[in-house]
Amino acid sequence: MGDRYNIHSQLEHLQSKYIGTGHADTTKYEWLTNQHRDSLASYLGHYDMLSYFAVAENESKARIRFNIMEKMLQPCGPPPEKTED
């Protein structure tokens, strides 16, 4: 029984420390937005990926970086309207 409590407390600690891990009340939209932002941040952080995108899209690296930063604002479009329960 104590082992189960320990696992749950570790999970709660991870969920409070890292936003992307989600929690019981995370919506599909929030989870998907976190996934997209993590991917976009990774693309910005890896110079080779940024260069690859620049060559593939025939754009400058600065333009690709700007476009990715713009996408990070709302990567999945505007949030859905919340229903009142």
PDB file of N, CA and C in Angstrom:
ATOM      1  N   MET A   1       0.820  -1.195   0.000  1.00  0.00           N
ATOM      2  CA  MET A   1       0.000   0.000   0.000  1.00  0.00           C
ATOM      3  C   MET A   1       0.866   1.262   0.000  1.00  0.00           C
ATOM      4  N   GLY A   2       1.948   1.224   0.770  1.00  0.00           N
ATOM      5  CA  GLY A   2       2.826   2.384   0.838  1.00  0.00           C
ATOM      6  C   GLY A   2       3.519   2.654  -0.482  1.00  0.00           C
ATOM      7  N   ASP A   3       3.802   1.575  -1.217  1.00  0.00           N
ATOM      8  CA  ASP A   3       4.460   1.729  -2.517  1.00  0.00           C
ATOM      9  C   ASP A   3       3.549   2.451  -3.505  1.00  0.00           C
ATOM     10  N   ARG A   4       2.261   2.137  -3.477  1.00  0.00           N
ATOM     11  CA  ARG A   4       1.300   2.790  -4.376  1.00  0.00           C
ATOM     12  C   ARG A   4       1.217   4.281  -4.065  1.00  0.00           C
ATOM     13  N   TYR A   5       1.209   4.633  -2.776  1.00  0.00           N
ATOM     14  CA  TYR A   5       1.165   6.045  -2.395  1.00  0.00           C
ATOM     15  C   TYR A   5       2.410   6.761  -2.881  1.00  0.00           C
ATOM     16  N   ASN A   6       3.555   6.107  -2.788  1.00  0.00           N
ATOM     17  CA  ASN A   6       4.818   6.699  -3.220  1.00  0.00           C
ATOM     18  C   ASN A   6       4.797   6.986  -4.715  1.00  0.00           C
ATOM     19  N   ILE A   7       4.277   6.060  -5.516  1.00  0.00           N
ATOM     20  CA  ILE A   7       4.200   6.253  -6.965  1.00  0.00           C
ATOM     21  C   ILE A   7       3.281   7.415  -7.301  1.00  0.00           C
ATOM     22  N   HIS A   8       2.140   7.494  -6.621  1.00  0.00           N
ATOM     23  CA  HIS A   8       1.207   8.597  -6.878  1.00  0.00           C
ATOM     24  C   HIS A   8       1.801   9.944  -6.482  1.00  0.00           C
ATOM     25  N   SER A   9       2.525   9.985  -5.377  1.00  0.00           N
ATOM     26  CA  SER A   9       3.125  11.255  -4.963  1.00  0.00           C
ATOM     27  C   SER A   9       4.223  11.676  -5.941  1.00  0.00           C
ATOM     28  N   GLN A  10       4.976  10.709  -6.491  1.00  0.00           N
ATOM     29  CA  GLN A  10       5.985  11.037  -7.493  1.00  0.00           C
ATOM     30  C   GLN A  10       5.333  11.572  -8.762  1.00  0.00           C
ATOM     31  N   LEU A  11       4.230  10.950  -9.162  1.00  0.00           N
ATOM     32  CA  LEU A  11       3.513  11.393 -10.356  1.00  0.00           C
ATOM     33  C   LEU A  11       2.968  12.804 -10.165  1.00  0.00           C
ATOM     34  N   GLU A  12       2.395  13.071  -9.009  1.00  0.00           N
ATOM     35  CA  GLU A  12       1.882  14.417  -8.726  1.00  0.00           C
ATOM     36  C   GLU A  12       3.016  15.439  -8.729  1.00  0.00           C
ATOM     37  N   HIS A  13       4.175  15.053  -8.221  1.00  0.00           N
ATOM     38  CA  HIS A  13       5.320  15.966  -8.220  1.00  0.00           C
ATOM     39  C   HIS A  13       5.747  16.275  -9.651  1.00  0.00           C
ATOM     40  N   LEU A  14       5.820  15.260 -10.502  1.00  0.00           N
ATOM     41  CA  LEU A  14       6.184  15.494 -11.905  1.00  0.00           C
ATOM     42  C   LEU A  14       5.172  16.374 -12.604  1.00  0.00           C
ATOM     43  N   GLN A  15       3.886  16.139 -12.341  1.00  0.00           N
ATOM     44  CA  GLN A  15       2.841  16.928 -12.993  1.00  0.00           C
ATOM     45  C   GLN A  15       2.866  18.371 -12.548  1.00  0.00           C
ATOM     46  N   SER A  16       3.247  18.629 -11.314  1.00  0.00           N
ATOM     47  CA  SER A  16       3.326  20.020 -10.852  1.00  0.00           C
ATOM     48  C   SER A  16       4.596  20.693 -11.366  1.00  0.00           C
ATOM     49  N   LYS A  17       5.651  19.908 -11.588  1.00  0.00           N
ATOM     50  CA  LYS A  17       6.926  20.472 -12.015  1.00  0.00           C
ATOM     51  C   LYS A  17       6.973  20.727 -13.516  1.00  0.00           C
ATOM     52  N   TYR A  18       6.422  19.817 -14.296  1.00  0.00           N
ATOM     53  CA  TYR A  18       6.472  19.916 -15.750  1.00  0.00           C
ATOM     54  C   TYR A  18       5.064  20.035 -16.311  1.00  0.00           C
ATOM     55  N   ILE A  19       4.793  21.133 -17.001  1.00  0.00           N
ATOM     56  CA  ILE A  19       3.457  21.407 -17.518  1.00  0.00           C
ATOM     57  C   ILE A  19       3.028  20.361 -18.539  1.00  0.00           C
ATOM     58  N   GLY A  20       3.936  19.920 -19.374  1.00  0.00           N
ATOM     59  CA  GLY A  20       3.613  19.018 -20.466  1.00  0.00           C
ATOM     60  C   GLY A  20       3.157  17.636 -20.040  1.00  0.00           C
ATOM     61  N   THR A  21       3.379  17.252 -18.787  1.00  0.00           N
ATOM     62  CA  THR A  21       2.972  15.921 -18.354  1.00  0.00           C
ATOM     63  C   THR A  21       1.470  15.832 -18.122  1.00  0.00           C
ATOM     64  N   GLY A  22       0.810  16.958 -18.009  1.00  0.00           N
ATOM     65  CA  GLY A  22      -0.636  16.966 -17.843  1.00  0.00           C
ATOM     66  C   GLY A  22      -1.076  16.568 -16.445  1.00  0.00           C
ATOM     67  N   HIS A  23      -2.375  16.501 -16.264  1.00  0.00           N
ATOM     68  CA  HIS A  23      -2.978  16.090 -15.005  1.00  0.00           C
ATOM     69  C   HIS A  23      -4.365  15.559 -15.319  1.00  0.00           C
ATOM     70  N   ALA A  24      -5.128  15.219 -14.330  1.00  0.00           N
ATOM     71  CA  ALA A  24      -6.427  14.591 -14.541  1.00  0.00           C
ATOM     72  C   ALA A  24      -7.403  15.504 -15.279  1.00  0.00           C
ATOM     73  N   ASP A  25      -7.256  16.806 -15.141  1.00  0.00           N
ATOM     74  CA  ASP A  25      -8.200  17.745 -15.749  1.00  0.00           C
ATOM     75  C   ASP A  25      -7.692  18.336 -17.070  1.00  0.00           C
ATOM     76  N   THR A  26      -6.610  17.813 -17.613  1.00  0.00           N
ATOM     77  CA  THR A  26      -6.072  18.320 -18.873  1.00  0.00           C
ATOM     78  C   THR A  26      -7.014  17.976 -20.017  1.00  0.00           C
ATOM     79  N   THR A  27      -7.362  18.980 -20.800  1.00  0.00           N
ATOM     80  CA  THR A  27      -8.239  18.736 -21.947  1.00  0.00           C
ATOM     81  C   THR A  27      -7.417  18.266 -23.142  1.00  0.00           C
ATOM     82  N   LYS A  28      -8.101  17.737 -24.125  1.00  0.00           N
ATOM     83  CA  LYS A  28      -7.428  17.272 -25.336  1.00  0.00           C
ATOM     84  C   LYS A  28      -6.723  18.435 -26.014  1.00  0.00           C
ATOM     85  N   TYR A  29      -7.354  19.592 -26.042  1.00  0.00           N
ATOM     86  CA  TYR A  29      -6.769  20.779 -26.671  1.00  0.00           C
ATOM     87  C   TYR A  29      -5.480  21.195 -25.955  1.00  0.00           C
ATOM     88  N   GLU A  30      -5.498  21.229 -24.618  1.00  0.00           N
ATOM     89  CA  GLU A  30      -4.311  21.620 -23.861  1.00  0.00           C
ATOM     90  C   GLU A  30      -3.166  20.645 -24.091  1.00  0.00           C
ATOM     91  N   TRP A  31      -3.476  19.349 -24.098  1.00  0.00           N
ATOM     92  CA  TRP A  31      -2.455  18.339 -24.306  1.00  0.00           C
ATOM     93  C   TRP A  31      -1.838  18.483 -25.695  1.00  0.00           C
ATOM     94  N   LEU A  32      -2.693  18.667 -26.705  1.00  0.00           N
ATOM     95  CA  LEU A  32      -2.215  18.798 -28.070  1.00  0.00           C
ATOM     96  C   LEU A  32      -1.384  20.074 -28.247  1.00  0.00           C
ATOM     97  N   THR A  33      -1.802  21.149 -27.619  1.00  0.00           N
ATOM     98  CA  THR A  33      -1.057  22.400 -27.680  1.00  0.00           C
ATOM     99  C   THR A  33       0.332  22.234 -27.064  1.00  0.00           C
ATOM    100  N   ASN A  34       0.405  21.548 -25.924  1.00  0.00           N
ATOM    101  CA  ASN A  34       1.706  21.293 -25.297  1.00  0.00           C
ATOM    102  C   ASN A  34       2.612  20.478 -26.210  1.00  0.00           C
ATOM    103  N   GLN A  35       2.047  19.467 -26.869  1.00  0.00           N
ATOM    104  CA  GLN A  35       2.837  18.628 -27.769  1.00  0.00           C
ATOM    105  C   GLN A  35       3.390  19.450 -28.936  1.00  0.00           C
ATOM    106  N   HIS A  36       2.551  20.278 -29.513  1.00  0.00           N
ATOM    107  CA  HIS A  36       2.989  21.100 -30.645  1.00  0.00           C
ATOM    108  C   HIS A  36       4.046  22.112 -30.220  1.00  0.00           C
ATOM    109  N   ARG A  37       3.849  22.742 -29.073  1.00  0.00           N
ATOM    110  CA  ARG A  37       4.833  23.721 -28.602  1.00  0.00           C
ATOM    111  C   ARG A  37       6.162  23.058 -28.280  1.00  0.00           C
ATOM    112  N   ASP A  38       6.125  21.860 -27.703  1.00  0.00           N
ATOM    113  CA  ASP A  38       7.370  21.145 -27.429  1.00  0.00           C
ATOM    114  C   ASP A  38       8.110  20.842 -28.724  1.00  0.00           C
ATOM    115  N   SER A  39       7.383  20.407 -29.739  1.00  0.00           N
ATOM    116  CA  SER A  39       8.010  20.103 -31.030  1.00  0.00           C
ATOM    117  C   SER A  39       8.611  21.359 -31.654  1.00  0.00           C
ATOM    118  N   LEU A  40       7.848  22.438 -31.648  1.00  0.00           N
ATOM    119  CA  LEU A  40       8.333  23.681 -32.245  1.00  0.00           C
ATOM    120  C   LEU A  40       9.554  24.219 -31.497  1.00  0.00           C
ATOM    121  N   ALA A  41       9.545  24.121 -30.180  1.00  0.00           N
ATOM    122  CA  ALA A  41      10.697  24.571 -29.398  1.00  0.00           C
ATOM    123  C   ALA A  41      11.922  23.715 -29.708  1.00  0.00           C
ATOM    124  N   SER A  42      11.707  22.433 -29.922  1.00  0.00           N
ATOM    125  CA  SER A  42      12.815  21.552 -30.287  1.00  0.00           C
ATOM    126  C   SER A  42      13.389  21.931 -31.646  1.00  0.00           C
ATOM    127  N   TYR A  43      12.514  22.258 -32.587  1.00  0.00           N
ATOM    128  CA  TYR A  43      12.984  22.676 -33.911  1.00  0.00           C
ATOM    129  C   TYR A  43      13.837  23.937 -33.811  1.00  0.00           C
ATOM    130  N   LEU A  44      13.432  24.873 -32.959  1.00  0.00           N
ATOM    131  CA  LEU A  44      14.203  26.108 -32.798  1.00  0.00           C
ATOM    132  C   LEU A  44      15.538  25.844 -32.117  1.00  0.00           C
ATOM    133  N   GLY A  45      15.551  24.898 -31.210  1.00  0.00           N
ATOM    134  CA  GLY A  45      16.764  24.610 -30.461  1.00  0.00           C
ATOM    135  C   GLY A  45      17.796  23.813 -31.230  1.00  0.00           C
ATOM    136  N   HIS A  46      17.379  23.079 -32.230  1.00  0.00           N
ATOM    137  CA  HIS A  46      18.307  22.278 -33.021  1.00  0.00           C
ATOM    138  C   HIS A  46      18.578  22.997 -34.346  1.00  0.00           C
ATOM    139  N   TYR A  47      19.762  23.551 -34.440  1.00  0.00           N
ATOM    140  CA  TYR A  47      20.143  24.376 -35.588  1.00  0.00           C
ATOM    141  C   TYR A  47      20.049  23.596 -36.896  1.00  0.00           C
ATOM    142  N   ASP A  48      20.398  22.320 -36.874  1.00  0.00           N
ATOM    143  CA  ASP A  48      20.358  21.517 -38.097  1.00  0.00           C
ATOM    144  C   ASP A  48      18.929  21.336 -38.607  1.00  0.00           C
ATOM    145  N   MET A  49      17.983  21.158 -37.696  1.00  0.00           N
ATOM    146  CA  MET A  49      16.583  21.033 -38.120  1.00  0.00           C
ATOM    147  C   MET A  49      16.098  22.337 -38.747  1.00  0.00           C
ATOM    148  N   LEU A  50      16.493  23.451 -38.145  1.00  0.00           N
ATOM    149  CA  LEU A  50      16.121  24.760 -38.674  1.00  0.00           C
ATOM    150  C   LEU A  50      16.703  24.951 -40.077  1.00  0.00           C
ATOM    151  N   SER A  51      17.944  24.524 -40.266  1.00  0.00           N
ATOM    152  CA  SER A  51      18.571  24.617 -41.589  1.00  0.00           C
ATOM    153  C   SER A  51      17.852  23.728 -42.596  1.00  0.00           C
ATOM    154  N   TYR A  52      17.457  22.538 -42.162  1.00  0.00           N
ATOM    155  CA  TYR A  52      16.736  21.620 -43.038  1.00  0.00           C
ATOM    156  C   TYR A  52      15.414  22.238 -43.500  1.00  0.00           C
ATOM    157  N   PHE A  53      14.666  22.821 -42.562  1.00  0.00           N
ATOM    158  CA  PHE A  53      13.392  23.456 -42.916  1.00  0.00           C
ATOM    159  C   PHE A  53      13.616  24.631 -43.869  1.00  0.00           C
ATOM    160  N   ALA A  54      14.684  25.385 -43.638  1.00  0.00           N
ATOM    161  CA  ALA A  54      14.981  26.539 -44.497  1.00  0.00           C
ATOM    162  C   ALA A  54      15.262  26.087 -45.928  1.00  0.00           C
ATOM    163  N   VAL A  55      16.023  25.029 -46.081  1.00  0.00           N
ATOM    164  CA  VAL A  55      16.321  24.514 -47.419  1.00  0.00           C
ATOM    165  C   VAL A  55      15.064  23.934 -48.057  1.00  0.00           C
ATOM    166  N   ALA A  56      14.289  23.176 -47.279  1.00  0.00           N
ATOM    167  CA  ALA A  56      13.088  22.527 -47.816  1.00  0.00           C
ATOM    168  C   ALA A  56      12.037  23.544 -48.265  1.00  0.00           C
ATOM    169  N   GLU A  57      11.923  24.661 -47.535  1.00  0.00           N
ATOM    170  CA  GLU A  57      10.918  25.669 -47.867  1.00  0.00           C
ATOM    171  C   GLU A  57      11.487  26.812 -48.711  1.00  0.00           C
ATOM    172  N   ASN A  58      12.789  26.750 -49.001  1.00  0.00           N
ATOM    173  CA  ASN A  58      13.460  27.789 -49.793  1.00  0.00           C
ATOM    174  C   ASN A  58      13.271  29.176 -49.169  1.00  0.00           C
ATOM    175  N   GLU A  59      13.459  29.237 -47.862  1.00  0.00           N
ATOM    176  CA  GLU A  59      13.356  30.490 -47.104  1.00  0.00           C
ATOM    177  C   GLU A  59      14.638  30.676 -46.293  1.00  0.00           C
ATOM    178  N   SER A  60      14.825  31.872 -45.783  1.00  0.00           N
ATOM    179  CA  SER A  60      15.982  32.116 -44.922  1.00  0.00           C
ATOM    180  C   SER A  60      15.727  31.512 -43.543  1.00  0.00           C
ATOM    181  N   LYS A  61      16.820  31.258 -42.823  1.00  0.00           N
ATOM    182  CA  LYS A  61      16.679  30.682 -41.481  1.00  0.00           C
ATOM    183  C   LYS A  61      15.950  31.641 -40.551  1.00  0.00           C
ATOM    184  N   ALA A  62      16.188  32.931 -40.709  1.00  0.00           N
ATOM    185  CA  ALA A  62      15.516  33.923 -39.869  1.00  0.00           C
ATOM    186  C   ALA A  62      14.010  33.911 -40.119  1.00  0.00           C
ATOM    187  N   ARG A  63      13.587  33.753 -41.381  1.00  0.00           N
ATOM    188  CA  ARG A  63      12.165  33.708 -41.706  1.00  0.00           C
ATOM    189  C   ARG A  63      11.525  32.441 -41.121  1.00  0.00           C
ATOM    190  N   ILE A  64      12.231  31.316 -41.205  1.00  0.00           N
ATOM    191  CA  ILE A  64      11.717  30.061 -40.639  1.00  0.00           C
ATOM    192  C   ILE A  64      11.587  30.192 -39.126  1.00  0.00           C
ATOM    193  N   ARG A  65      12.614  30.779 -38.491  1.00  0.00           N
ATOM    194  CA  ARG A  65      12.568  30.973 -37.033  1.00  0.00           C
ATOM    195  C   ARG A  65      11.387  31.860 -36.657  1.00  0.00           C
ATOM    196  N   PHE A  66      11.169  32.934 -37.415  1.00  0.00           N
ATOM    197  CA  PHE A  66      10.038  33.830 -37.153  1.00  0.00           C
ATOM    198  C   PHE A  66       8.709  33.095 -37.308  1.00  0.00           C
ATOM    199  N   ASN A  67       8.572  32.317 -38.382  1.00  0.00           N
ATOM    200  CA  ASN A  67       7.330  31.578 -38.612  1.00  0.00           C
ATOM    201  C   ASN A  67       7.053  30.566 -37.500  1.00  0.00           C
ATOM    202  N   ILE A  68       8.098  29.894 -37.034  1.00  0.00           N
ATOM    203  CA  ILE A  68       7.921  28.919 -35.952  1.00  0.00           C
ATOM    204  C   ILE A  68       7.522  29.629 -34.667  1.00  0.00           C
ATOM    205  N   MET A  69       8.134  30.779 -34.397  1.00  0.00           N
ATOM    206  CA  MET A  69       7.757  31.542 -33.201  1.00  0.00           C
ATOM    207  C   MET A  69       6.302  31.998 -33.279  1.00  0.00           C
ATOM    208  N   GLU A  70       5.858  32.390 -34.464  1.00  0.00           N
ATOM    209  CA  GLU A  70       4.461  32.782 -34.648  1.00  0.00           C
ATOM    210  C   GLU A  70       3.521  31.601 -34.403  1.00  0.00           C
ATOM    211  N   LYS A  71       3.911  30.420 -34.869  1.00  0.00           N
ATOM    212  CA  LYS A  71       3.089  29.231 -34.682  1.00  0.00           C
ATOM    213  C   LYS A  71       2.965  28.851 -33.213  1.00  0.00           C
ATOM    214  N   MET A  72       3.966  29.206 -32.413  1.00  0.00           N
ATOM    215  CA  MET A  72       3.948  28.825 -30.999  1.00  0.00           C
ATOM    216  C   MET A  72       2.859  29.561 -30.208  1.00  0.00           C
ATOM    217  N   LEU A  73       2.371  30.673 -30.725  1.00  0.00           N
ATOM    218  CA  LEU A  73       1.323  31.413 -30.010  1.00  0.00           C
ATOM    219  C   LEU A  73       0.045  30.595 -29.900  1.00  0.00           C
ATOM    220  N   GLN A  74      -0.427  30.101 -31.014  1.00  0.00           N
ATOM    221  CA  GLN A  74      -1.610  29.244 -31.029  1.00  0.00           C
ATOM    222  C   GLN A  74      -1.373  28.123 -32.042  1.00  0.00           C
ATOM    223  N   PRO A  75      -0.613  27.098 -31.640  1.00  0.00           N
ATOM    224  CA  PRO A  75      -0.242  26.064 -32.603  1.00  0.00           C
ATOM    225  C   PRO A  75      -1.413  25.239 -33.114  1.00  0.00           C
ATOM    226  N   CYS A  76      -2.483  25.171 -32.372  1.00  0.00           N
ATOM    227  CA  CYS A  76      -3.649  24.356 -32.772  1.00  0.00           C
ATOM    228  C   CYS A  76      -4.871  25.220 -33.050  1.00  0.00           C
ATOM    229  N   GLY A  77      -4.659  26.494 -33.314  1.00  0.00           N
ATOM    230  CA  GLY A  77      -5.783  27.385 -33.552  1.00  0.00           C
ATOM    231  C   GLY A  77      -6.336  27.928 -32.247  1.00  0.00           C
ATOM    232  N   PRO A  78      -7.405  28.700 -32.344  1.00  0.00           N
ATOM    233  CA  PRO A  78      -7.985  29.264 -31.125  1.00  0.00           C
ATOM    234  C   PRO A  78      -8.572  28.173 -30.242  1.00  0.00           C
ATOM    235  N   PRO A  79      -8.558  28.384 -28.937  1.00  0.00           N
ATOM    236  CA  PRO A  79      -9.091  27.354 -28.032  1.00  0.00           C
ATOM    237  C   PRO A  79     -10.598  27.177 -28.219  1.00  0.00           C
ATOM    238  N   PRO A  80     -11.075  25.967 -28.009  1.00  0.00           N
ATOM    239  CA  PRO A  80     -12.526  25.746 -28.148  1.00  0.00           C
ATOM    240  C   PRO A  80     -13.266  26.436 -27.007  1.00  0.00           C
ATOM    241  N   GLU A  81     -14.506  26.755 -27.274  1.00  0.00           N
ATOM    242  CA  GLU A  81     -15.314  27.401 -26.245  1.00  0.00           C
ATOM    243  C   GLU A  81     -15.631  26.401 -25.152  1.00  0.00           C
ATOM    244  N   LYS A  82     -15.493  26.857 -23.919  1.00  0.00           N
ATOM    245  CA  LYS A  82     -15.757  25.978 -22.790  1.00  0.00           C
ATOM    246  C   LYS A  82     -17.245  25.942 -22.497  1.00  0.00           C
ATOM    247  N   THR A  83     -17.743  24.748 -22.284  1.00  0.00           N
ATOM    248  CA  THR A  83     -19.158  24.600 -21.960  1.00  0.00           C
ATOM    249  C   THR A  83     -19.334  24.717 -20.453  1.00  0.00           C
ATOM    250  N   GLU A  84     -20.369  25.351 -20.053  1.00  0.00           N
ATOM    251  CA  GLU A  84     -20.691  25.499 -18.635  1.00  0.00           C
ATOM    252  C   GLU A  84     -21.490  24.288 -18.182  1.00  0.00           C
ATOM    253  N   ASP A  85     -20.948  23.549 -17.222  1.00  0.00           N
ATOM    254  CA  ASP A  85     -21.662  22.363 -16.718  1.00  0.00           C
ATOM    255  C   ASP A  85     -22.449  22.684 -15.487  1.00  0.00           C
TER     256      ASP A  85
END
